[in-house]
Amino acid sequence: MGRDPTDSQARASASSLSGEWNDDDYDVLAEGAVVGGIMKVHAAPVGTPWIWTLAFGHHEDRTPTHGYAETREAAMTAFAKSWQHE
């Protein structure tokens, strides 16, 4: 699988096609390609404002493909766990 993609994050402004993003939107990169995202959202379960998701085409046999977390760091950990098929 290569290195942990959560080691490489970029502000979503760098890749946003819509031009809409905020300072709490991050792309998760693996080998230079966007493989997912981590962002802070308003519509989330109480106490878990950060959502992480694998990008379409990178789901393969990974589960879960998305989730909510209390912090960005916790979202990064959950993303990495799903990415590594643990």
PDB file of N, CA and C in Angstrom:
ATOM      1  N   MET A   1       0.812  -1.194   0.000  1.00  0.00           N
ATOM      2  CA  MET A   1       0.000   0.000   0.000  1.00  0.00           C
ATOM      3  C   MET A   1       0.855   1.257   0.000  1.00  0.00           C
ATOM      4  N   GLY A   2       2.076   1.176   0.433  1.00  0.00           N
ATOM      5  CA  GLY A   2       2.893   2.371   0.472  1.00  0.00           C
ATOM      6  C   GLY A   2       2.756   3.082   1.798  1.00  0.00           C
ATOM      7  N   ARG A   3       3.218   4.292   1.800  1.00  0.00           N
ATOM      8  CA  ARG A   3       3.227   5.006   3.079  1.00  0.00           C
ATOM      9  C   ARG A   3       1.841   5.500   3.464  1.00  0.00           C
ATOM     10  N   ASP A   4       1.704   5.795   4.729  1.00  0.00           N
ATOM     11  CA  ASP A   4       0.449   6.247   5.304  1.00  0.00           C
ATOM     12  C   ASP A   4       0.040   7.565   4.646  1.00  0.00           C
ATOM     13  N   PRO A   5      -1.120   7.609   3.981  1.00  0.00           N
ATOM     14  CA  PRO A   5      -1.509   8.836   3.294  1.00  0.00           C
ATOM     15  C   PRO A   5      -1.776  10.001   4.234  1.00  0.00           C
ATOM     16  N   THR A   6      -2.051   9.739   5.497  1.00  0.00           N
ATOM     17  CA  THR A   6      -2.307  10.854   6.399  1.00  0.00           C
ATOM     18  C   THR A   6      -1.030  11.595   6.750  1.00  0.00           C
ATOM     19  N   ASP A   7       0.119  11.077   6.293  1.00  0.00           N
ATOM     20  CA  ASP A   7       1.373  11.811   6.444  1.00  0.00           C
ATOM     21  C   ASP A   7       1.423  12.994   5.476  1.00  0.00           C
ATOM     22  N   SER A   8       0.587  12.942   4.446  1.00  0.00           N
ATOM     23  CA  SER A   8       0.572  13.996   3.433  1.00  0.00           C
ATOM     24  C   SER A   8      -0.829  14.570   3.311  1.00  0.00           C
ATOM     25  N   GLN A   9      -0.977  15.794   3.766  1.00  0.00           N
ATOM     26  CA  GLN A   9      -2.257  16.475   3.630  1.00  0.00           C
ATOM     27  C   GLN A   9      -2.018  17.834   3.004  1.00  0.00           C
ATOM     28  N   ALA A  10      -3.000  18.288   2.263  1.00  0.00           N
ATOM     29  CA  ALA A  10      -2.937  19.608   1.659  1.00  0.00           C
ATOM     30  C   ALA A  10      -4.261  20.291   1.897  1.00  0.00           C
ATOM     31  N   ARG A  11      -4.227  21.589   1.991  1.00  0.00           N
ATOM     32  CA  ARG A  11      -5.484  22.329   2.084  1.00  0.00           C
ATOM     33  C   ARG A  11      -6.303  22.017   0.849  1.00  0.00           C
ATOM     34  N   ALA A  12      -7.571  21.832   1.024  1.00  0.00           N
ATOM     35  CA  ALA A  12      -8.446  21.490  -0.096  1.00  0.00           C
ATOM     36  C   ALA A  12      -8.486  22.590  -1.136  1.00  0.00           C
ATOM     37  N   SER A  13      -8.105  23.796  -0.781  1.00  0.00           N
ATOM     38  CA  SER A  13      -8.104  24.886  -1.756  1.00  0.00           C
ATOM     39  C   SER A  13      -7.207  24.568  -2.931  1.00  0.00           C
ATOM     40  N   ALA A  14      -6.205  23.728  -2.717  1.00  0.00           N
ATOM     41  CA  ALA A  14      -5.268  23.395  -3.783  1.00  0.00           C
ATOM     42  C   ALA A  14      -5.906  22.527  -4.861  1.00  0.00           C
ATOM     43  N   SER A  15      -6.948  21.767  -4.518  1.00  0.00           N
ATOM     44  CA  SER A  15      -7.537  20.858  -5.496  1.00  0.00           C
ATOM     45  C   SER A  15      -9.035  21.054  -5.695  1.00  0.00           C
ATOM     46  N   SER A  16      -9.632  21.996  -4.999  1.00  0.00           N
ATOM     47  CA  SER A  16     -11.074  22.179  -5.079  1.00  0.00           C
ATOM     48  C   SER A  16     -11.491  22.658  -6.463  1.00  0.00           C
ATOM     49  N   LEU A  17     -12.271  21.846  -7.141  1.00  0.00           N
ATOM     50  CA  LEU A  17     -12.762  22.232  -8.460  1.00  0.00           C
ATOM     51  C   LEU A  17     -13.847  23.294  -8.370  1.00  0.00           C
ATOM     52  N   SER A  18     -14.612  23.262  -7.280  1.00  0.00           N
ATOM     53  CA  SER A  18     -15.713  24.210  -7.131  1.00  0.00           C
ATOM     54  C   SER A  18     -15.228  25.574  -6.678  1.00  0.00           C
ATOM     55  N   GLY A  19     -14.036  25.608  -6.094  1.00  0.00           N
ATOM     56  CA  GLY A  19     -13.541  26.858  -5.541  1.00  0.00           C
ATOM     57  C   GLY A  19     -14.093  27.141  -4.165  1.00  0.00           C
ATOM     58  N   GLU A  20     -14.973  26.252  -3.666  1.00  0.00           N
ATOM     59  CA  GLU A  20     -15.550  26.427  -2.337  1.00  0.00           C
ATOM     60  C   GLU A  20     -14.811  25.537  -1.355  1.00  0.00           C
ATOM     61  N   TRP A  21     -14.266  26.137  -0.306  1.00  0.00           N
ATOM     62  CA  TRP A  21     -13.519  25.412   0.710  1.00  0.00           C
ATOM     63  C   TRP A  21     -13.344  26.327   1.898  1.00  0.00           C
ATOM     64  N   ASN A  22     -12.891  25.781   3.011  1.00  0.00           N
ATOM     65  CA  ASN A  22     -12.559  26.632   4.143  1.00  0.00           C
ATOM     66  C   ASN A  22     -11.274  26.125   4.782  1.00  0.00           C
ATOM     67  N   ASP A  23     -10.813  26.791   5.803  1.00  0.00           N
ATOM     68  CA  ASP A  23      -9.530  26.457   6.417  1.00  0.00           C
ATOM     69  C   ASP A  23      -9.518  25.109   7.123  1.00  0.00           C
ATOM     70  N   ASP A  24     -10.673  24.490   7.316  1.00  0.00           N
ATOM     71  CA  ASP A  24     -10.741  23.188   7.964  1.00  0.00           C
ATOM     72  C   ASP A  24     -11.014  22.067   6.973  1.00  0.00           C
ATOM     73  N   ASP A  25     -10.760  22.277   5.687  1.00  0.00           N
ATOM     74  CA  ASP A  25     -10.904  21.256   4.654  1.00  0.00           C
ATOM     75  C   ASP A  25      -9.518  20.801   4.225  1.00  0.00           C
ATOM     76  N   TYR A  26      -9.288  19.484   4.270  1.00  0.00           N
ATOM     77  CA  TYR A  26      -7.997  18.916   3.892  1.00  0.00           C
ATOM     78  C   TYR A  26      -8.181  17.781   2.908  1.00  0.00           C
ATOM     79  N   ASP A  27      -7.318  17.711   1.910  1.00  0.00           N
ATOM     80  CA  ASP A  27      -7.230  16.551   1.035  1.00  0.00           C
ATOM     81  C   ASP A  27      -6.215  15.609   1.650  1.00  0.00           C
ATOM     82  N   VAL A  28      -6.460  14.312   1.545  1.00  0.00           N
ATOM     83  CA  VAL A  28      -5.490  13.317   1.977  1.00  0.00           C
ATOM     84  C   VAL A  28      -4.827  12.789   0.709  1.00  0.00           C
ATOM     85  N   LEU A  29      -3.505  12.838   0.680  1.00  0.00           N
ATOM     86  CA  LEU A  29      -2.746  12.476  -0.509  1.00  0.00           C
ATOM     87  C   LEU A  29      -1.967  11.181  -0.304  1.00  0.00           C
ATOM     88  N   ALA A  30      -1.870  10.394  -1.363  1.00  0.00           N
ATOM     89  CA  ALA A  30      -1.010   9.211  -1.387  1.00  0.00           C
ATOM     90  C   ALA A  30      -0.322   9.223  -2.743  1.00  0.00           C
ATOM     91  N   GLU A  31       0.987   9.274  -2.716  1.00  0.00           N
ATOM     92  CA  GLU A  31       1.780   9.312  -3.942  1.00  0.00           C
ATOM     93  C   GLU A  31       1.325  10.454  -4.851  1.00  0.00           C
ATOM     94  N   GLY A  32       0.976  11.581  -4.254  1.00  0.00           N
ATOM     95  CA  GLY A  32       0.602  12.771  -5.004  1.00  0.00           C
ATOM     96  C   GLY A  32      -0.840  12.838  -5.475  1.00  0.00           C
ATOM     97  N   ALA A  33      -1.611  11.775  -5.259  1.00  0.00           N
ATOM     98  CA  ALA A  33      -3.012  11.747  -5.690  1.00  0.00           C
ATOM     99  C   ALA A  33      -3.933  11.932  -4.488  1.00  0.00           C
ATOM    100  N   VAL A  34      -5.048  12.608  -4.697  1.00  0.00           N
ATOM    101  CA  VAL A  34      -6.045  12.774  -3.638  1.00  0.00           C
ATOM    102  C   VAL A  34      -6.783  11.444  -3.466  1.00  0.00           C
ATOM    103  N   VAL A  35      -6.701  10.874  -2.261  1.00  0.00           N
ATOM    104  CA  VAL A  35      -7.353   9.596  -1.981  1.00  0.00           C
ATOM    105  C   VAL A  35      -8.466   9.734  -0.952  1.00  0.00           C
ATOM    106  N   GLY A  36      -8.655  10.939  -0.438  1.00  0.00           N
ATOM    107  CA  GLY A  36      -9.713  11.153   0.536  1.00  0.00           C
ATOM    108  C   GLY A  36      -9.708  12.562   1.060  1.00  0.00           C
ATOM    109  N   GLY A  37     -10.552  12.790   2.039  1.00  0.00           N
ATOM    110  CA  GLY A  37     -10.645  14.118   2.617  1.00  0.00           C
ATOM    111  C   GLY A  37     -10.954  14.069   4.095  1.00  0.00           C
ATOM    112  N   ILE A  38     -10.541  15.122   4.781  1.00  0.00           N
ATOM    113  CA  ILE A  38     -10.858  15.311   6.191  1.00  0.00           C
ATOM    114  C   ILE A  38     -11.328  16.750   6.323  1.00  0.00           C
ATOM    115  N   MET A  39     -12.499  16.947   6.926  1.00  0.00           N
ATOM    116  CA  MET A  39     -13.025  18.301   7.041  1.00  0.00           C
ATOM    117  C   MET A  39     -13.873  18.458   8.285  1.00  0.00           C
ATOM    118  N   LYS A  40     -13.957  19.671   8.745  1.00  0.00           N
ATOM    119  CA  LYS A  40     -14.814  20.001   9.879  1.00  0.00           C
ATOM    120  C   LYS A  40     -16.152  20.449   9.314  1.00  0.00           C
ATOM    121  N   VAL A  41     -17.228  19.839   9.817  1.00  0.00           N
ATOM    122  CA  VAL A  41     -18.559  20.123   9.278  1.00  0.00           C
ATOM    123  C   VAL A  41     -19.498  20.570  10.395  1.00  0.00           C
ATOM    124  N   HIS A  42     -20.551  21.262  10.005  1.00  0.00           N
ATOM    125  CA  HIS A  42     -21.543  21.727  10.975  1.00  0.00           C
ATOM    126  C   HIS A  42     -22.618  20.678  11.214  1.00  0.00           C
ATOM    127  N   ALA A  43     -22.962  19.925  10.183  1.00  0.00           N
ATOM    128  CA  ALA A  43     -23.993  18.891  10.296  1.00  0.00           C
ATOM    129  C   ALA A  43     -23.315  17.562  10.610  1.00  0.00           C
ATOM    130  N   ALA A  44     -23.099  17.310  11.890  1.00  0.00           N
ATOM    131  CA  ALA A  44     -22.419  16.093  12.330  1.00  0.00           C
ATOM    132  C   ALA A  44     -23.013  15.665  13.671  1.00  0.00           C
ATOM    133  N   PRO A  45     -22.795  14.412  14.027  1.00  0.00           N
ATOM    134  CA  PRO A  45     -23.240  13.981  15.356  1.00  0.00           C
ATOM    135  C   PRO A  45     -22.592  14.846  16.436  1.00  0.00           C
ATOM    136  N   VAL A  46     -23.304  15.094  17.509  1.00  0.00           N
ATOM    137  CA  VAL A  46     -22.820  15.937  18.597  1.00  0.00           C
ATOM    138  C   VAL A  46     -21.462  15.442  19.092  1.00  0.00           C
ATOM    139  N   GLY A  47     -20.521  16.371  19.212  1.00  0.00           N
ATOM    140  CA  GLY A  47     -19.210  16.052  19.741  1.00  0.00           C
ATOM    141  C   GLY A  47     -18.232  15.463  18.742  1.00  0.00           C
ATOM    142  N   THR A  48     -18.660  15.296  17.494  1.00  0.00           N
ATOM    143  CA  THR A  48     -17.776  14.730  16.472  1.00  0.00           C
ATOM    144  C   THR A  48     -17.845  15.581  15.194  1.00  0.00           C
ATOM    145  N   PRO A  49     -17.289  16.779  15.228  1.00  0.00           N
ATOM    146  CA  PRO A  49     -17.431  17.690  14.097  1.00  0.00           C
ATOM    147  C   PRO A  49     -16.521  17.399  12.898  1.00  0.00           C
ATOM    148  N   TRP A  50     -15.583  16.471  13.030  1.00  0.00           N
ATOM    149  CA  TRP A  50     -14.668  16.169  11.925  1.00  0.00           C
ATOM    150  C   TRP A  50     -15.127  14.914  11.197  1.00  0.00           C
ATOM    151  N   ILE A  51     -15.228  15.000   9.869  1.00  0.00           N
ATOM    152  CA  ILE A  51     -15.580  13.840   9.049  1.00  0.00           C
ATOM    153  C   ILE A  51     -14.377  13.484   8.183  1.00  0.00           C
ATOM    154  N   TRP A  52     -14.185  12.194   8.001  1.00  0.00           N
ATOM    155  CA  TRP A  52     -13.150  11.717   7.081  1.00  0.00           C
ATOM    156  C   TRP A  52     -13.828  10.799   6.081  1.00  0.00           C
ATOM    157  N   THR A  53     -13.304  10.766   4.873  1.00  0.00           N
ATOM    158  CA  THR A  53     -13.882   9.905   3.851  1.00  0.00           C
ATOM    159  C   THR A  53     -12.823   9.507   2.832  1.00  0.00           C
ATOM    160  N   LEU A  54     -12.921   8.282   2.355  1.00  0.00           N
ATOM    161  CA  LEU A  54     -12.086   7.840   1.248  1.00  0.00           C
ATOM    162  C   LEU A  54     -12.719   8.353  -0.039  1.00  0.00           C
ATOM    163  N   ALA A  55     -11.910   8.771  -0.976  1.00  0.00           N
ATOM    164  CA  ALA A  55     -12.422   9.254  -2.259  1.00  0.00           C
ATOM    165  C   ALA A  55     -12.962   8.081  -3.081  1.00  0.00           C
ATOM    166  N   PHE A  56     -13.958   8.365  -3.916  1.00  0.00           N
ATOM    167  CA  PHE A  56     -14.502   7.347  -4.809  1.00  0.00           C
ATOM    168  C   PHE A  56     -13.361   6.792  -5.651  1.00  0.00           C
ATOM    169  N   GLY A  57     -13.331   5.494  -5.814  1.00  0.00           N
ATOM    170  CA  GLY A  57     -12.263   4.853  -6.557  1.00  0.00           C
ATOM    171  C   GLY A  57     -11.146   4.334  -5.663  1.00  0.00           C
ATOM    172  N   HIS A  58     -11.200   4.686  -4.381  1.00  0.00           N
ATOM    173  CA  HIS A  58     -10.195   4.211  -3.432  1.00  0.00           C
ATOM    174  C   HIS A  58     -10.830   3.401  -2.304  1.00  0.00           C
ATOM    175  N   HIS A  59     -12.086   3.010  -2.498  1.00  0.00           N
ATOM    176  CA  HIS A  59     -12.787   2.227  -1.472  1.00  0.00           C
ATOM    177  C   HIS A  59     -12.293   0.787  -1.454  1.00  0.00           C
ATOM    178  N   GLU A  60     -12.113   0.195  -2.637  1.00  0.00           N
ATOM    179  CA  GLU A  60     -11.717  -1.193  -2.801  1.00  0.00           C
ATOM    180  C   GLU A  60     -12.394  -2.052  -1.739  1.00  0.00           C
ATOM    181  N   ASP A  61     -11.656  -2.818  -0.974  1.00  0.00           N
ATOM    182  CA  ASP A  61     -12.253  -3.662   0.063  1.00  0.00           C
ATOM    183  C   ASP A  61     -12.141  -3.028   1.437  1.00  0.00           C
ATOM    184  N   ARG A  62     -11.986  -1.721   1.484  1.00  0.00           N
ATOM    185  CA  ARG A  62     -11.790  -1.034   2.765  1.00  0.00           C
ATOM    186  C   ARG A  62     -13.133  -0.733   3.431  1.00  0.00           C
ATOM    187  N   THR A  63     -13.179  -0.963   4.731  1.00  0.00           N
ATOM    188  CA  THR A  63     -14.328  -0.559   5.528  1.00  0.00           C
ATOM    189  C   THR A  63     -13.827  -0.126   6.891  1.00  0.00           C
ATOM    190  N   PRO A  64     -14.411   0.870   7.459  1.00  0.00           N
ATOM    191  CA  PRO A  64     -15.417   1.755   6.854  1.00  0.00           C
ATOM    192  C   PRO A  64     -14.782   2.678   5.824  1.00  0.00           C
ATOM    193  N   THR A  65     -15.621   3.336   5.046  1.00  0.00           N
ATOM    194  CA  THR A  65     -15.119   4.262   4.027  1.00  0.00           C
ATOM    195  C   THR A  65     -15.243   5.717   4.467  1.00  0.00           C
ATOM    196  N   HIS A  66     -15.880   5.926   5.606  1.00  0.00           N
ATOM    197  CA  HIS A  66     -16.024   7.281   6.135  1.00  0.00           C
ATOM    198  C   HIS A  66     -16.402   7.192   7.609  1.00  0.00           C
ATOM    199  N   GLY A  67     -16.283   8.308   8.297  1.00  0.00           N
ATOM    200  CA  GLY A  67     -16.669   8.329   9.699  1.00  0.00           C
ATOM    201  C   GLY A  67     -16.503   9.716  10.296  1.00  0.00           C
ATOM    202  N   TYR A  68     -16.908   9.849  11.546  1.00  0.00           N
ATOM    203  CA  TYR A  68     -16.827  11.111  12.277  1.00  0.00           C
ATOM    204  C   TYR A  68     -15.863  10.965  13.444  1.00  0.00           C
ATOM    205  N   ALA A  69     -15.255  12.073  13.838  1.00  0.00           N
ATOM    206  CA  ALA A  69     -14.296  12.049  14.945  1.00  0.00           C
ATOM    207  C   ALA A  69     -14.361  13.345  15.735  1.00  0.00           C
ATOM    208  N   GLU A  70     -13.845  13.294  16.976  1.00  0.00           N
ATOM    209  CA  GLU A  70     -13.842  14.473  17.840  1.00  0.00           C
ATOM    210  C   GLU A  70     -12.816  15.515  17.403  1.00  0.00           C
ATOM    211  N   THR A  71     -11.690  15.061  16.854  1.00  0.00           N
ATOM    212  CA  THR A  71     -10.611  15.973  16.462  1.00  0.00           C
ATOM    213  C   THR A  71     -10.090  15.607  15.073  1.00  0.00           C
ATOM    214  N   ARG A  72      -9.353  16.529  14.471  1.00  0.00           N
ATOM    215  CA  ARG A  72      -8.734  16.240  13.169  1.00  0.00           C
ATOM    216  C   ARG A  72      -7.747  15.091  13.308  1.00  0.00           C
ATOM    217  N   GLU A  73      -6.998  15.078  14.410  1.00  0.00           N
ATOM    218  CA  GLU A  73      -6.027  14.014  14.633  1.00  0.00           C
ATOM    219  C   GLU A  73      -6.708  12.646  14.725  1.00  0.00           C
ATOM    220  N   ALA A  74      -7.858  12.591  15.409  1.00  0.00           N
ATOM    221  CA  ALA A  74      -8.604  11.332  15.514  1.00  0.00           C
ATOM    222  C   ALA A  74      -9.141  10.921  14.147  1.00  0.00           C
ATOM    223  N   ALA A  75      -9.552  11.889  13.332  1.00  0.00           N
ATOM    224  CA  ALA A  75     -10.025  11.589  11.976  1.00  0.00           C
ATOM    225  C   ALA A  75      -8.872  11.038  11.136  1.00  0.00           C
ATOM    226  N   MET A  76      -7.680  11.610  11.302  1.00  0.00           N
ATOM    227  CA  MET A  76      -6.509  11.123  10.579  1.00  0.00           C
ATOM    228  C   MET A  76      -6.196   9.677  10.964  1.00  0.00           C
ATOM    229  N   THR A  77      -6.297   9.371  12.239  1.00  0.00           N
ATOM    230  CA  THR A  77      -6.037   8.011  12.715  1.00  0.00           C
ATOM    231  C   THR A  77      -7.046   7.031  12.137  1.00  0.00           C
ATOM    232  N   ALA A  78      -8.323   7.407  12.152  1.00  0.00           N
ATOM    233  CA  ALA A  78      -9.371   6.533  11.613  1.00  0.00           C
ATOM    234  C   ALA A  78      -9.192   6.332  10.113  1.00  0.00           C
ATOM    235  N   PHE A  79      -8.849   7.400   9.390  1.00  0.00           N
ATOM    236  CA  PHE A  79      -8.604   7.281   7.957  1.00  0.00           C
ATOM    237  C   PHE A  79      -7.470   6.295   7.705  1.00  0.00           C
ATOM    238  N   ALA A  80      -6.357   6.467   8.419  1.00  0.00           N
ATOM    239  CA  ALA A  80      -5.192   5.601   8.234  1.00  0.00           C
ATOM    240  C   ALA A  80      -5.537   4.142   8.525  1.00  0.00           C
ATOM    241  N   LYS A  81      -6.326   3.907   9.553  1.00  0.00           N
ATOM    242  CA  LYS A  81      -6.715   2.540   9.905  1.00  0.00           C
ATOM    243  C   LYS A  81      -7.518   1.905   8.771  1.00  0.00           C
ATOM    244  N   SER A  82      -8.456   2.642   8.203  1.00  0.00           N
ATOM    245  CA  SER A  82      -9.242   2.111   7.085  1.00  0.00           C
ATOM    246  C   SER A  82      -8.356   1.908   5.860  1.00  0.00           C
ATOM    247  N   TRP A  83      -7.482   2.852   5.603  1.00  0.00           N
ATOM    248  CA  TRP A  83      -6.597   2.778   4.433  1.00  0.00           C
ATOM    249  C   TRP A  83      -5.691   1.541   4.502  1.00  0.00           C
ATOM    250  N   GLN A  84      -5.250   1.217   5.692  1.00  0.00           N
ATOM    251  CA  GLN A  84      -4.322   0.097   5.862  1.00  0.00           C
ATOM    252  C   GLN A  84      -5.030  -1.243   6.047  1.00  0.00           C
ATOM    253  N   HIS A  85      -6.343  -1.270   5.888  1.00  0.00           N
ATOM    254  CA  HIS A  85      -7.139  -2.499   5.988  1.00  0.00           C
ATOM    255  C   HIS A  85      -7.030  -3.157   7.359  1.00  0.00           C
ATOM    256  N   GLU A  86      -6.901  -2.405   8.424  1.00  0.00           N
ATOM    257  CA  GLU A  86      -6.814  -3.015   9.756  1.00  0.00           C
ATOM    258  C   GLU A  86      -8.183  -3.405  10.252  1.00  0.00           C
TER     259      GLU A  86
END
